[in-house]
Amino acid sequence: MSTKTLDIKQLQISVSELLSLIQDDKEIVITNGNTPLARLTLLNSIDKTIFESEKTPQPGLNLGAMVMSHDFDQPLSDEFWLQNP
């Protein structure tokens, strides 16, 4: 990916032209003098895949990852409730 640097004081380009430059596999860094202000890049197509998979649950992916004791639903003892913090 190549980088193109544009100074905000000399920026005479439209948004559609900026997007066109980005689509040509370029990264655009907008600066104010020598200070970088912003970086414009394309969104990664992998990110879209991640967001789609987060929306749909995948049952059974982590079988055995959680273990529950046999007495998890038993009432807690009086010792537990009467302890002083």
Protein backbone atom coordinates (compact mmCIF):
# COMPACT_ATOMS: atom_id res chain seq x y z
CA MET A 1 0.00 0.00 0.00
CA SER A 2 1.46 3.35 -0.98
CA THR A 3 0.99 6.48 1.08
CA LYS A 4 0.11 9.91 -0.25
CA THR A 5 0.48 12.91 2.06
CA LEU A 6 -1.73 15.96 1.60
CA ASP A 7 -1.43 19.23 3.55
CA ILE A 8 -4.78 20.50 4.79
CA LYS A 9 -3.85 24.10 3.90
CA GLN A 10 -3.28 23.12 0.27
CA LEU A 11 -6.06 20.56 0.04
CA GLN A 12 -8.01 21.36 -3.13
CA ILE A 13 -9.59 17.95 -3.70
CA SER A 14 -13.16 16.67 -3.43
CA VAL A 15 -14.28 13.77 -1.29
CA SER A 16 -14.96 11.66 -4.38
CA GLU A 17 -11.39 12.27 -5.56
CA LEU A 18 -10.08 11.27 -2.12
CA LEU A 19 -12.09 8.05 -2.28
CA SER A 20 -10.80 7.41 -5.77
CA LEU A 21 -7.21 7.72 -4.54
CA ILE A 22 -7.92 5.36 -1.64
CA GLN A 23 -9.46 2.76 -3.98
CA ASP A 24 -6.26 2.83 -6.03
CA ASP A 25 -4.60 1.01 -3.09
CA LYS A 26 -3.28 4.16 -1.48
CA GLU A 27 -3.35 5.42 2.04
CA ILE A 28 -3.85 9.15 2.43
CA VAL A 29 -2.38 11.04 5.36
CA ILE A 30 -3.72 14.55 5.89
CA THR A 31 -1.29 16.84 7.67
CA ASN A 32 -1.19 20.35 9.07
CA GLY A 33 2.34 21.34 8.20
CA ASN A 34 4.43 18.44 9.49
CA THR A 35 1.79 17.23 11.99
CA PRO A 36 -0.34 14.28 10.84
CA LEU A 37 -4.06 14.85 11.47
CA ALA A 38 -5.84 11.95 9.82
CA ARG A 39 -5.26 8.72 7.89
CA LEU A 40 -7.74 7.60 5.25
CA THR A 41 -7.75 3.95 4.15
CA LEU A 42 -10.19 1.43 2.72
CA LEU A 43 -12.19 -0.67 5.13
CA ASN A 44 -10.87 -4.19 5.25
CA SER A 45 -13.21 -6.81 3.81
CA ILE A 46 -12.21 -9.15 6.66
CA ASP A 47 -13.87 -6.75 9.12
CA LYS A 48 -17.20 -7.27 7.35
CA THR A 49 -16.87 -11.04 7.80
CA ILE A 50 -16.20 -10.59 11.52
CA PHE A 51 -19.25 -8.36 11.96
CA GLU A 52 -21.49 -10.83 10.11
CA SER A 53 -20.30 -13.77 12.21
CA GLU A 54 -20.88 -11.80 15.42
CA LYS A 55 -24.53 -11.33 14.48
CA THR A 56 -25.28 -15.02 14.05
CA PRO A 57 -24.65 -17.26 17.06
CA GLN A 58 -22.61 -20.37 16.38
CA PRO A 59 -23.77 -23.07 18.82
CA GLY A 60 -21.25 -25.68 19.84
CA LEU A 61 -18.11 -23.70 19.04
CA ASN A 62 -16.70 -23.93 22.57
CA LEU A 63 -17.89 -27.29 23.81
CA GLY A 64 -16.18 -28.18 27.09
CA ALA A 65 -14.85 -24.65 27.63
CA MET A 66 -17.09 -24.15 30.67
CA VAL A 67 -17.33 -26.65 33.50
CA MET A 68 -20.12 -26.51 36.07
CA SER A 69 -19.90 -28.21 39.44
CA HIS A 70 -22.51 -30.82 40.30
CA ASP A 71 -23.88 -28.71 43.20
CA PHE A 72 -24.11 -25.34 41.43
CA ASP A 73 -27.82 -24.96 42.17
CA GLN A 74 -27.66 -25.96 45.84
CA PRO A 75 -28.35 -23.24 48.43
CA LEU A 76 -25.31 -21.57 49.95
CA SER A 77 -24.43 -22.55 53.50
CA ASP A 78 -25.23 -20.40 56.53
CA GLU A 79 -21.47 -19.94 57.01
CA PHE A 80 -21.31 -18.13 53.68
CA TRP A 81 -24.13 -15.73 54.56
CA LEU A 82 -22.99 -15.03 58.14
CA GLN A 83 -19.34 -14.22 57.34
CA ASN A 84 -18.09 -10.78 58.25
CA PRO A 85 -16.36 -9.02 55.32
